[in-house]
């Protein structure tokens, strides 16, 4: 069991390091304008509400 816990801890640390690298690349490098276009493709940056149709089941 200790072996599995050690492996999981290493995976968590590696994941955290990659998270910090990705955040640094998005915020502080010359690649950020190219990476910012991803938000447009995903539709995250749009601030408009979508039309919803409400239906009532009686």
N, C-alpha and C. Protein backbone atom coordinates (compact mmCIF):
# COMPACT_ATOMS: atom_id res chain seq x y z
N UNK A 1 0.82 -1.19 0.00
CA UNK A 1 0.00 0.00 0.00
C UNK A 1 0.87 1.26 0.00
N UNK A 2 2.00 1.21 0.68
CA UNK A 2 2.86 2.39 0.71
C UNK A 2 3.40 2.71 -0.67
N UNK A 3 3.62 1.69 -1.47
CA UNK A 3 4.13 1.91 -2.82
C UNK A 3 3.12 2.68 -3.66
N UNK A 4 1.86 2.30 -3.56
CA UNK A 4 0.80 2.98 -4.31
C UNK A 4 0.67 4.43 -3.84
N UNK A 5 0.75 4.63 -2.54
CA UNK A 5 0.65 5.99 -2.01
C UNK A 5 1.81 6.85 -2.49
N UNK A 6 3.00 6.28 -2.56
CA UNK A 6 4.16 7.03 -3.07
C UNK A 6 3.98 7.40 -4.53
N UNK A 7 3.46 6.45 -5.31
CA UNK A 7 3.23 6.73 -6.74
C UNK A 7 2.18 7.82 -6.90
N UNK A 8 1.10 7.75 -6.13
CA UNK A 8 0.05 8.77 -6.22
C UNK A 8 0.57 10.14 -5.80
N UNK A 9 1.39 10.18 -4.78
CA UNK A 9 1.96 11.46 -4.34
C UNK A 9 2.85 12.04 -5.43
N UNK A 10 3.65 11.20 -6.07
CA UNK A 10 4.50 11.68 -7.17
C UNK A 10 3.66 12.21 -8.31
N UNK A 11 2.56 11.52 -8.63
CA UNK A 11 1.67 11.99 -9.71
C UNK A 11 1.04 13.34 -9.37
N UNK A 12 0.66 13.52 -8.12
CA UNK A 12 0.06 14.79 -7.70
C UNK A 12 1.08 15.92 -7.82
N UNK A 13 2.30 15.67 -7.41
CA UNK A 13 3.35 16.68 -7.49
C UNK A 13 3.64 17.03 -8.95
N UNK A 14 3.74 16.02 -9.80
CA UNK A 14 3.99 16.27 -11.22
C UNK A 14 2.85 17.05 -11.85
N UNK A 15 1.61 16.71 -11.50
CA UNK A 15 0.45 17.42 -12.02
C UNK A 15 0.48 18.89 -11.58
N UNK A 16 0.85 19.14 -10.34
CA UNK A 16 0.93 20.51 -9.84
C UNK A 16 2.01 21.31 -10.56
N UNK A 17 3.13 20.67 -10.84
CA UNK A 17 4.20 21.35 -11.57
C UNK A 17 3.74 21.72 -12.98
N UNK A 18 3.06 20.79 -13.65
CA UNK A 18 2.55 21.09 -14.99
C UNK A 18 1.49 22.19 -14.95
N UNK A 19 0.70 22.24 -13.89
CA UNK A 19 -0.29 23.30 -13.74
C UNK A 19 0.39 24.66 -13.63
N UNK A 20 1.46 24.73 -12.83
CA UNK A 20 2.18 25.99 -12.69
C UNK A 20 2.83 26.41 -14.01
N UNK A 21 3.39 25.45 -14.74
CA UNK A 21 4.00 25.77 -16.04
C UNK A 21 2.95 26.28 -17.02
N UNK A 22 1.79 25.64 -17.05
CA UNK A 22 0.73 26.07 -17.97
C UNK A 22 0.23 27.46 -17.61
N UNK A 23 0.04 27.74 -16.32
CA UNK A 23 -0.40 29.06 -15.90
C UNK A 23 0.64 30.13 -16.26
N UNK A 24 1.90 29.81 -16.09
CA UNK A 24 2.95 30.75 -16.45
C UNK A 24 2.94 31.02 -17.95
N UNK A 25 2.76 29.97 -18.76
CA UNK A 25 2.75 30.15 -20.21
C UNK A 25 1.58 31.00 -20.66
N UNK A 26 0.42 30.82 -20.04
CA UNK A 26 -0.77 31.57 -20.44
C UNK A 26 -0.64 33.04 -20.04
N UNK A 27 -0.06 33.31 -18.88
CA UNK A 27 -0.06 34.67 -18.37
C UNK A 27 1.17 35.50 -18.74
N UNK A 28 2.35 34.90 -18.81
CA UNK A 28 3.56 35.71 -18.85
C UNK A 28 4.48 35.46 -20.04
N UNK A 29 4.10 34.70 -21.01
CA UNK A 29 5.01 34.44 -22.11
C UNK A 29 4.48 35.03 -23.41
N UNK A 30 5.30 35.10 -24.44
CA UNK A 30 4.83 35.59 -25.73
C UNK A 30 3.81 34.65 -26.39
N UNK A 31 3.64 33.45 -25.87
CA UNK A 31 2.67 32.52 -26.44
C UNK A 31 1.24 32.85 -26.01
N UNK A 32 1.08 33.72 -25.04
CA UNK A 32 -0.25 33.97 -24.50
C UNK A 32 -1.27 34.48 -25.53
N UNK A 33 -0.91 35.32 -26.53
CA UNK A 33 -1.93 35.69 -27.51
C UNK A 33 -2.43 34.49 -28.33
N UNK A 34 -1.55 33.55 -28.58
CA UNK A 34 -1.95 32.37 -29.34
C UNK A 34 -2.78 31.42 -28.49
N UNK A 35 -2.45 31.34 -27.23
CA UNK A 35 -3.21 30.46 -26.34
C UNK A 35 -4.55 31.07 -25.96
N UNK A 36 -4.66 32.41 -26.01
CA UNK A 36 -5.91 33.07 -25.68
C UNK A 36 -7.01 32.80 -26.69
N UNK A 37 -6.64 32.41 -27.89
CA UNK A 37 -7.64 32.10 -28.91
C UNK A 37 -8.42 30.83 -28.57
N UNK A 38 -7.86 30.01 -27.72
CA UNK A 38 -8.55 28.79 -27.32
C UNK A 38 -9.85 29.13 -26.62
N UNK A 39 -9.86 30.22 -25.85
CA UNK A 39 -11.08 30.61 -25.16
C UNK A 39 -12.17 30.98 -26.15
N UNK A 40 -11.80 31.58 -27.28
CA UNK A 40 -12.79 31.92 -28.29
C UNK A 40 -13.38 30.67 -28.93
N UNK A 41 -12.55 29.68 -29.15
CA UNK A 41 -13.04 28.44 -29.74
C UNK A 41 -13.98 27.71 -28.81
N UNK A 42 -13.71 27.78 -27.51
CA UNK A 42 -14.57 27.10 -26.54
C UNK A 42 -15.81 27.92 -26.22
N UNK A 43 -15.82 29.20 -26.53
CA UNK A 43 -16.98 30.03 -26.25
C UNK A 43 -17.04 30.51 -24.82
N UNK A 44 -15.93 30.52 -24.13
CA UNK A 44 -15.92 30.91 -22.72
C UNK A 44 -16.00 32.42 -22.57
N UNK A 45 -15.40 33.16 -23.47
CA UNK A 45 -15.29 34.61 -23.30
C UNK A 45 -16.54 35.38 -23.71
N UNK A 46 -17.50 34.72 -24.28
CA UNK A 46 -18.70 35.42 -24.72
C UNK A 46 -19.61 35.70 -23.52
N UNK A 47 -20.04 36.96 -23.41
CA UNK A 47 -20.83 37.37 -22.26
C UNK A 47 -22.30 37.58 -22.62
N UNK A 48 -22.83 36.77 -23.47
CA UNK A 48 -24.25 36.92 -23.80
C UNK A 48 -25.02 35.70 -23.32
N UNK A 49 -26.23 35.95 -22.95
CA UNK A 49 -27.08 34.87 -22.47
C UNK A 49 -27.75 34.19 -23.66
N UNK A 50 -27.87 32.91 -23.58
CA UNK A 50 -28.53 32.18 -24.65
C UNK A 50 -30.03 32.15 -24.41
N UNK A 51 -30.77 32.05 -25.49
CA UNK A 51 -32.21 31.96 -25.36
C UNK A 51 -32.58 30.58 -24.81
N UNK A 52 -33.49 30.59 -23.87
CA UNK A 52 -33.97 29.32 -23.32
C UNK A 52 -35.47 29.23 -23.54
N UNK A 53 -35.90 28.05 -23.77
CA UNK A 53 -37.33 27.79 -23.95
C UNK A 53 -37.81 27.04 -22.72
N UNK A 54 -38.76 27.62 -22.06
CA UNK A 54 -39.29 26.98 -20.87
C UNK A 54 -40.52 26.16 -21.24
N UNK A 55 -40.53 24.96 -20.80
CA UNK A 55 -41.69 24.09 -21.04
C UNK A 55 -42.25 23.65 -19.70
N UNK A 56 -43.55 23.54 -19.67
CA UNK A 56 -44.22 23.10 -18.44
C UNK A 56 -44.95 21.81 -18.73
N UNK A 57 -44.73 20.84 -17.88
CA UNK A 57 -45.43 19.56 -18.02
C UNK A 57 -46.51 19.51 -16.97
N UNK A 58 -47.74 19.45 -17.41
CA UNK A 58 -48.85 19.48 -16.46
C UNK A 58 -49.48 18.13 -16.31
